[in-house]
């Protein structure tokens, strides 16, 4: 299997792990990228954009990264917090007055970022049409009551996370989160990542390939059922691509994911200047919860917008100041502020293994092996 791109000599272990995954058939098409001290030291891609393996994955191929999009949404909130336009400890109703209904007046912005707001889903079934209707999705959430005492536990806000934070951003900036992200983050960084995809990019998209085999058995630790659901096939639609669903419908590749997220690992600096202060970057590590997640049923330690390093978490590193998240099917991004490293993995072949997917884990381990040399 031919691998394309560049890789510094130090990180040859990552290139080998990536090639092994493609050769073994675990991946159909994929990309991996690493930034170290703000420099792109690994930028690799390979495989194919289609399940029949007829069209090669190109340098500019992009795909839907599912919940890795949440890290972009969180970064938008951090940018506004850094500018003192958003107070992470303020009630959400300060910015979105209607949200204060039904016992939600004391829910703070930090609860939205950390999945502790008690709004992991809607109280009614949500179709794809509903998820693509911003006003409906957000107004329904504004009327709901929280399902548990906000701030006391996390329950993964699978789709609601992006609508909740996105509406706060819209109220502050009078701009959709997709537009804000493009104007304030992606364009200045020249990063090929999109929350809501314009038609001009359709020809570069590699559609998600559904996970093979049956879905995993229900986790007995899950206590909060989830209703809104989207299939891999749903994401092939123009409707999904054009919508802004900022918890799940971001499009990019490993290079663009790493380029944006490396802002954290590099202390908020980019070549054109500073985007975030060091202090705001460290805000990510203000722990908001550490427990078995009520929706995912696994131990998770959440900070401001990211899961944090923990010994029993699905992603663990030797460095304490590490934050991460991934997307359904296997995409992953990890920011290590101690090592000043960001690693991202993006692929089209989905799996049912979540954050424990060995493809991303193997690349992460290979990166740390390279750092240790």
Protein backbone atom coordinates (compact mmCIF):
# COMPACT_ATOMS: atom_id res chain seq x y z
CA UNK A 1 0.00 0.00 0.00
CA UNK A 2 1.51 3.30 -1.10
CA UNK A 3 1.69 6.06 1.52
CA UNK A 4 1.87 9.70 0.44
CA UNK A 5 2.97 12.87 2.18
CA UNK A 6 5.81 13.81 4.47
CA UNK A 7 7.15 12.52 7.77
CA UNK A 8 10.16 13.66 9.77
CA UNK A 9 12.73 11.02 10.54
CA UNK A 10 11.88 11.20 14.25
CA UNK A 11 8.33 10.01 13.60
CA UNK A 12 9.00 7.08 11.26
CA UNK A 13 7.27 4.82 13.78
CA UNK A 14 4.03 6.67 13.02
CA UNK A 15 4.49 6.16 9.29
CA UNK A 16 5.08 2.45 9.87
CA UNK A 17 1.99 2.10 12.06
CA UNK A 18 -0.10 3.97 9.49
CA UNK A 19 1.15 1.80 6.63
CA UNK A 20 0.47 -1.36 8.66
CA UNK A 21 -3.15 -0.31 9.22
CA UNK A 22 -3.71 0.26 5.51
CA UNK A 23 -1.95 -2.94 4.47
CA UNK A 24 -3.94 -5.03 6.94
CA UNK A 25 -7.22 -3.68 5.56
CA UNK A 26 -8.24 -2.03 8.84
CA UNK A 27 -8.39 1.22 6.89
CA UNK A 28 -9.79 1.86 3.43
CA UNK A 29 -8.61 5.46 3.18
CA UNK A 30 -7.14 7.60 5.93
CA UNK A 31 -4.80 10.39 6.96
CA UNK A 32 -2.65 11.15 10.00
CA UNK A 33 -0.95 14.39 10.97
CA UNK A 34 1.19 15.60 13.86
CA UNK A 35 2.16 19.12 14.86
CA UNK A 36 5.10 19.53 17.23
CA UNK A 37 5.92 22.98 18.60
CA UNK A 38 3.63 24.45 15.94
CA UNK A 39 5.42 22.67 13.08
CA UNK A 40 3.79 20.05 10.85
CA UNK A 41 6.13 17.05 11.27
CA UNK A 42 3.81 14.30 10.00
CA UNK A 43 1.38 14.69 7.11
CA UNK A 44 0.49 11.32 5.62
CA UNK A 45 -2.42 9.90 3.65
CA UNK A 46 -3.15 6.74 1.74
CA UNK A 47 -5.71 4.21 0.59
CA UNK A 48 -8.93 4.94 -1.24
CA UNK A 49 -11.94 7.21 -1.00
CA UNK A 50 -14.47 4.50 -1.86
CA UNK A 51 -15.29 1.07 -0.49
CA UNK A 52 -14.57 -0.55 -3.88
CA UNK A 53 -11.03 0.84 -3.63
CA UNK A 54 -11.01 2.41 -7.06
CA UNK A 55 -10.34 6.09 -6.27
CA UNK A 56 -7.14 7.00 -4.40
CA UNK A 57 -7.29 9.18 -1.29
CA UNK A 58 -5.72 12.50 -2.30
CA UNK A 59 -3.91 15.21 -0.37
CA UNK A 60 -7.07 17.34 -0.33
CA UNK A 61 -9.58 14.54 0.35
CA UNK A 62 -11.93 15.39 3.23
CA UNK A 63 -14.52 13.36 5.09
CA UNK A 64 -17.11 13.72 7.83
CA UNK A 65 -15.29 13.38 11.18
CA UNK A 66 -18.41 13.11 13.35
CA UNK A 67 -17.79 14.18 16.96
CA UNK A 68 -14.23 15.30 16.41
CA UNK A 69 -16.18 18.37 15.26
CA UNK A 70 -16.95 19.05 18.93
CA UNK A 71 -13.34 20.10 19.49
CA UNK A 72 -13.81 22.83 16.86
CA UNK A 73 -17.02 24.00 18.51
CA UNK A 74 -15.29 24.12 21.89
CA UNK A 75 -12.43 26.12 20.40
CA UNK A 76 -14.90 28.72 19.11
CA UNK A 77 -16.18 29.18 22.67
CA UNK A 78 -12.62 29.48 23.99
CA UNK A 79 -11.82 32.18 21.43
CA UNK A 80 -14.79 34.24 22.63
CA UNK A 81 -13.83 33.61 26.26
CA UNK A 82 -10.30 34.81 25.52
CA UNK A 83 -11.76 38.04 24.13
CA UNK A 84 -13.91 38.47 27.26
CA UNK A 85 -17.05 38.25 25.13
CA UNK A 86 -18.09 34.97 26.80
CA UNK A 87 -17.89 34.11 30.49
CA UNK A 88 -17.61 30.35 30.87
CA UNK A 89 -19.00 30.58 34.41
CA UNK A 90 -21.97 32.76 33.50
CA UNK A 91 -25.51 31.40 33.19
CA UNK A 92 -26.36 30.41 29.63
CA UNK A 93 -29.49 32.56 29.97
CA UNK A 94 -27.29 35.67 30.12
CA UNK A 95 -26.69 35.21 26.40
CA UNK A 96 -29.77 33.17 25.46
CA UNK A 97 -32.64 34.37 27.70
CA UNK A 98 -35.17 31.77 26.51
CA UNK A 99 -32.86 29.04 27.73
CA UNK A 100 -33.55 29.94 31.36
CA UNK A 101 -36.97 28.23 31.25
CA UNK A 102 -37.87 24.90 32.90
CA UNK A 103 -35.32 25.02 35.70
CA UNK A 104 -32.31 25.83 33.51
CA UNK A 105 -31.65 29.33 34.84
CA UNK A 106 -28.57 28.17 36.77
CA UNK A 107 -26.99 26.13 33.97
CA UNK A 108 -23.67 27.75 33.11
CA UNK A 109 -21.75 27.82 29.85
CA UNK A 110 -19.14 25.47 31.35
CA UNK A 111 -21.86 22.84 31.81
CA UNK A 112 -22.57 22.92 28.07
CA UNK A 113 -18.89 22.47 27.27
CA UNK A 114 -18.46 19.56 29.67
CA UNK A 115 -21.61 17.56 28.86
CA UNK A 116 -22.90 18.15 32.39
CA UNK A 117 -25.92 20.34 31.55
CA UNK A 118 -28.41 17.46 31.73
CA UNK A 119 -29.53 17.90 28.12
CA UNK A 120 -28.01 14.90 26.34
CA UNK A 121 -30.91 14.61 23.91
CA UNK A 122 -34.29 16.04 23.01
CA UNK A 123 -37.46 14.95 24.76
CA UNK A 124 -38.97 14.02 21.42
CA UNK A 125 -37.72 11.96 18.53
CA UNK A 126 -35.57 14.01 16.17
CA UNK A 127 -35.40 13.13 12.47
CA UNK A 128 -32.64 14.16 10.09
CA UNK A 129 -34.93 16.98 8.93
CA UNK A 130 -35.23 18.16 12.53
CA UNK A 131 -31.46 18.09 13.09
CA UNK A 132 -31.00 20.20 9.98
CA UNK A 133 -33.49 22.79 11.30
CA UNK A 134 -31.46 25.05 13.61
CA UNK A 135 -34.40 27.01 15.00
CA UNK A 136 -36.39 23.89 15.84
CA UNK A 137 -33.45 22.08 17.42
CA UNK A 138 -32.46 25.01 19.63
CA UNK A 139 -35.94 26.19 20.59
CA UNK A 140 -36.89 22.69 21.73
CA UNK A 141 -33.78 22.56 23.94
CA UNK A 142 -34.62 25.96 25.39
CA UNK A 143 -37.99 24.61 26.60
CA UNK A 144 -36.71 21.35 28.08
CA UNK A 145 -35.93 20.51 31.69
CA UNK A 146 -32.53 18.99 32.54
CA UNK A 147 -32.56 15.23 33.09
CA UNK A 148 -30.26 15.46 36.13
CA UNK A 149 -28.89 18.17 38.39
CA UNK A 150 -26.58 20.20 36.12
CA UNK A 151 -22.92 20.02 37.03
CA UNK A 152 -23.17 16.81 39.04
CA UNK A 153 -22.30 14.29 36.32
CA UNK A 154 -21.54 14.03 32.62
CA UNK A 155 -23.92 12.48 30.14
CA UNK A 156 -22.51 12.77 26.64
CA UNK A 157 -24.43 15.42 24.66
CA UNK A 158 -24.09 13.57 21.37
CA UNK A 159 -25.89 16.06 19.10
CA UNK A 160 -27.17 18.70 21.52
CA UNK A 161 -23.64 19.85 22.46
CA UNK A 162 -23.14 21.69 19.18
CA UNK A 163 -26.57 23.30 19.11
CA UNK A 164 -26.28 24.52 22.70
CA UNK A 165 -22.83 26.07 22.32
CA UNK A 166 -23.56 27.18 18.77
CA UNK A 167 -26.66 29.11 19.84
CA UNK A 168 -24.74 30.90 22.59
CA UNK A 169 -22.14 31.91 19.99
CA UNK A 170 -24.88 33.02 17.59
CA UNK A 171 -26.47 35.21 20.26
CA UNK A 172 -23.14 36.89 21.02
CA UNK A 173 -21.83 37.32 17.46
CA UNK A 174 -24.98 37.34 15.34
CA UNK A 175 -23.21 34.74 13.22
CA UNK A 176 -23.75 31.01 12.82
CA UNK A 177 -21.06 28.86 14.37
CA UNK A 178 -20.03 27.58 10.94
CA UNK A 179 -19.47 31.14 9.74
CA UNK A 180 -17.72 32.16 12.96
CA UNK A 181 -15.41 29.15 12.80
CA UNK A 182 -14.58 29.85 9.15
CA UNK A 183 -13.94 33.57 9.66
CA UNK A 184 -12.12 33.51 12.97
CA UNK A 185 -10.25 30.20 12.97
CA UNK A 186 -10.16 28.15 9.76
CA UNK A 187 -9.46 30.96 7.28
CA UNK A 188 -6.71 32.66 9.31
CA UNK A 189 -5.06 29.26 9.80
CA UNK A 190 -5.63 28.25 6.16
CA UNK A 191 -7.18 25.06 7.58
CA UNK A 192 -9.38 22.98 5.30
CA UNK A 193 -12.05 22.22 7.91
CA UNK A 194 -15.74 23.05 7.54
CA UNK A 195 -18.78 23.04 9.82
CA UNK A 196 -21.41 22.84 7.12
CA UNK A 197 -19.95 22.11 3.70
CA UNK A 198 -20.34 24.32 0.62
CA UNK A 199 -21.17 22.59 -2.69
CA UNK A 200 -17.81 23.59 -4.16
CA UNK A 201 -16.13 21.00 -1.94
CA UNK A 202 -18.40 18.05 -2.72
CA UNK A 203 -16.05 16.54 -5.29
CA UNK A 204 -13.36 16.11 -2.60
CA UNK A 205 -15.53 14.26 -0.09
CA UNK A 206 -14.93 10.62 0.78
CA UNK A 207 -18.19 9.33 2.23
CA UNK A 208 -18.15 7.45 5.51
CA UNK A 209 -18.20 3.68 5.04
CA UNK A 210 -20.53 2.00 7.57
CA UNK A 211 -18.94 -0.19 10.21
CA UNK A 212 -18.96 -3.88 9.33
CA UNK A 213 -20.76 -6.41 11.51
CA UNK A 214 -23.46 -5.96 14.12
CA UNK A 215 -23.62 -2.99 16.47
CA UNK A 216 -22.01 -3.59 19.88
CA UNK A 217 -24.14 -4.86 22.74
CA UNK A 218 -25.68 -2.26 25.03
CA UNK A 219 -23.38 -1.07 27.80
CA UNK A 220 -24.91 -2.02 31.17
CA UNK A 221 -23.52 1.18 32.71
CA UNK A 222 -25.64 3.41 30.48
CA UNK A 223 -28.48 4.98 32.43
CA UNK A 224 -29.63 7.72 30.01
CA UNK A 225 -31.01 6.47 26.68
CA UNK A 226 -30.32 8.45 23.52
CA UNK A 227 -33.03 9.12 20.93
CA UNK A 228 -31.67 11.24 18.06
CA UNK A 229 -29.80 8.99 15.67
CA UNK A 230 -28.06 9.40 12.31
CA UNK A 231 -26.77 6.59 10.11
CA UNK A 232 -23.60 6.64 8.05
CA UNK A 233 -25.83 6.63 4.98
CA UNK A 234 -27.56 9.81 6.19
CA UNK A 235 -24.24 11.63 5.99
CA UNK A 236 -24.02 10.90 2.26
CA UNK A 237 -26.89 13.33 1.65
CA UNK A 238 -26.60 16.89 0.45
CA UNK A 239 -28.95 17.83 3.28
CA UNK A 240 -26.45 16.67 5.91
CA UNK A 241 -23.48 18.33 4.23
CA UNK A 242 -25.13 21.74 3.92
CA UNK A 243 -26.52 21.84 7.45
CA UNK A 244 -24.60 23.12 10.44
CA UNK A 245 -24.71 20.36 13.05
CA UNK A 246 -21.66 21.46 15.05
CA UNK A 247 -21.42 18.37 17.20
CA UNK A 248 -21.15 15.98 14.28
CA UNK A 249 -20.98 17.24 10.69
CA UNK A 250 -17.53 18.77 10.41
CA UNK A 251 -15.55 17.92 7.28
CA UNK A 252 -11.78 17.79 7.10
CA UNK A 253 -8.72 15.57 7.10
CA UNK A 254 -6.01 14.90 9.65
CA UNK A 255 -3.93 17.85 8.49
CA UNK A 256 -6.75 20.35 8.96
CA UNK A 257 -7.90 18.88 12.27
CA UNK A 258 -4.36 19.00 13.64
CA UNK A 259 -3.71 22.48 12.25
CA UNK A 260 -6.67 23.92 14.14
CA UNK A 261 -6.28 21.94 17.35
CA UNK A 262 -2.54 22.58 17.56
CA UNK A 263 -3.49 26.07 18.70
CA UNK A 264 -3.93 24.56 22.14
CA UNK A 265 -0.70 22.57 22.14
CA UNK A 266 1.31 25.56 20.94
CA UNK A 267 -0.04 27.88 23.61
CA UNK A 268 -2.48 29.75 21.40
CA UNK A 269 -0.02 30.93 18.78
CA UNK A 270 -0.15 30.52 15.03
CA UNK A 271 2.32 31.82 12.41
CA UNK A 272 0.16 34.91 11.83
CA UNK A 273 -0.04 35.79 15.53
CA UNK A 274 -1.69 34.82 18.79
CA UNK A 275 -5.26 33.46 18.77
CA UNK A 276 -5.53 32.38 22.42
CA UNK A 277 -3.64 33.32 25.55
CA UNK A 278 -1.68 30.65 27.41
CA UNK A 279 -4.12 31.08 30.30
CA UNK A 280 -7.14 30.35 28.11
CA UNK A 281 -5.44 27.27 26.67
CA UNK A 282 -4.95 26.01 30.22
CA UNK A 283 -8.62 26.65 31.00
CA UNK A 284 -9.33 23.43 29.12
CA UNK A 285 -7.96 21.56 32.15
CA UNK A 286 -10.42 23.02 34.67
CA UNK A 287 -12.03 19.71 35.63
CA UNK A 288 -15.83 19.78 35.47
CA UNK A 289 -16.64 16.11 36.06
CA UNK A 290 -14.97 12.75 36.57
CA UNK A 291 -17.31 9.77 36.67
CA UNK A 292 -18.88 7.01 34.61
CA UNK A 293 -20.63 8.92 31.84
CA UNK A 294 -24.40 8.45 32.02
CA UNK A 295 -24.77 8.09 28.24
CA UNK A 296 -21.57 6.33 27.15
CA UNK A 297 -21.22 4.18 30.26
CA UNK A 298 -17.42 4.61 30.44
CA UNK A 299 -15.19 6.56 32.85
CA UNK A 300 -14.60 10.06 31.53
CA UNK A 301 -12.94 13.12 32.98
CA UNK A 302 -14.21 16.29 31.31
CA UNK A 303 -12.70 19.75 31.32
CA UNK A 304 -13.79 22.74 29.26
CA UNK A 305 -14.83 21.22 25.95
CA UNK A 306 -12.49 18.23 25.97
CA UNK A 307 -11.99 14.96 27.78
CA UNK A 308 -8.91 15.01 29.97
CA UNK A 309 -6.15 12.52 30.57
CA UNK A 310 -7.04 9.97 33.28
CA UNK A 311 -5.71 6.56 34.22
CA UNK A 312 -9.04 4.81 33.56
CA UNK A 313 -10.04 6.88 30.52
CA UNK A 314 -10.12 5.47 26.97
CA UNK A 315 -7.20 7.70 25.96
CA UNK A 316 -4.28 7.84 28.38
CA UNK A 317 -0.82 9.39 28.06
CA UNK A 318 2.10 9.91 30.40
CA UNK A 319 1.69 13.67 30.35
CA UNK A 320 -0.98 15.18 32.65
CA UNK A 321 -1.92 18.13 30.45
CA UNK A 322 -3.43 16.10 27.64
CA UNK A 323 -6.93 16.64 26.26
CA UNK A 324 -8.71 14.81 23.49
CA UNK A 325 -11.86 13.72 21.76
CA UNK A 326 -12.81 11.56 18.82
CA UNK A 327 -15.60 10.91 16.39
CA UNK A 328 -18.00 8.06 15.84
CA UNK A 329 -16.31 5.49 13.67
CA UNK A 330 -12.74 6.17 14.78
CA UNK A 331 -11.42 9.69 14.10
CA UNK A 332 -9.31 11.10 16.93
CA UNK A 333 -7.45 14.23 18.00
CA UNK A 334 -5.15 14.49 21.01
CA UNK A 335 -3.54 17.70 22.30
CA UNK A 336 -0.57 17.30 24.64
CA UNK A 337 0.31 20.71 26.06
CA UNK A 338 3.28 19.31 27.99
CA UNK A 339 4.89 17.84 24.86
CA UNK A 340 3.47 20.68 22.70
CA UNK A 341 2.17 18.02 20.33
CA UNK A 342 -1.12 17.50 18.50
CA UNK A 343 -1.91 14.27 16.68
CA UNK A 344 -4.98 13.73 14.49
CA UNK A 345 -6.28 10.68 12.67
CA UNK A 346 -9.15 10.80 10.14
CA UNK A 347 -10.51 7.91 8.09
CA UNK A 348 -13.53 6.86 6.01
CA UNK A 349 -13.96 3.24 7.22
CA UNK A 350 -16.00 3.39 10.40
CA UNK A 351 -15.73 0.92 13.27
CA UNK A 352 -17.92 0.28 16.31
CA UNK A 353 -15.06 0.60 18.80
CA UNK A 354 -15.38 4.27 19.71
CA UNK A 355 -12.44 5.94 21.47
CA UNK A 356 -10.84 2.54 21.98
CA UNK A 357 -10.40 2.02 18.22
CA UNK A 358 -6.91 0.48 17.85
CA UNK A 359 -6.16 2.36 14.63
CA UNK A 360 -5.99 5.75 16.34
CA UNK A 361 -4.55 4.27 19.52
CA UNK A 362 -1.69 2.61 17.62
CA UNK A 363 -0.78 5.88 15.93
CA UNK A 364 -0.88 7.69 19.27
CA UNK A 365 1.39 5.12 20.88
CA UNK A 366 3.77 5.32 17.92
CA UNK A 367 3.92 9.11 18.31
CA UNK A 368 4.89 8.84 21.97
CA UNK A 369 7.44 6.18 21.16
CA UNK A 370 8.99 8.64 18.71
CA UNK A 371 8.98 11.44 21.28
CA UNK A 372 10.79 9.23 23.78
CA UNK A 373 13.75 8.68 21.46
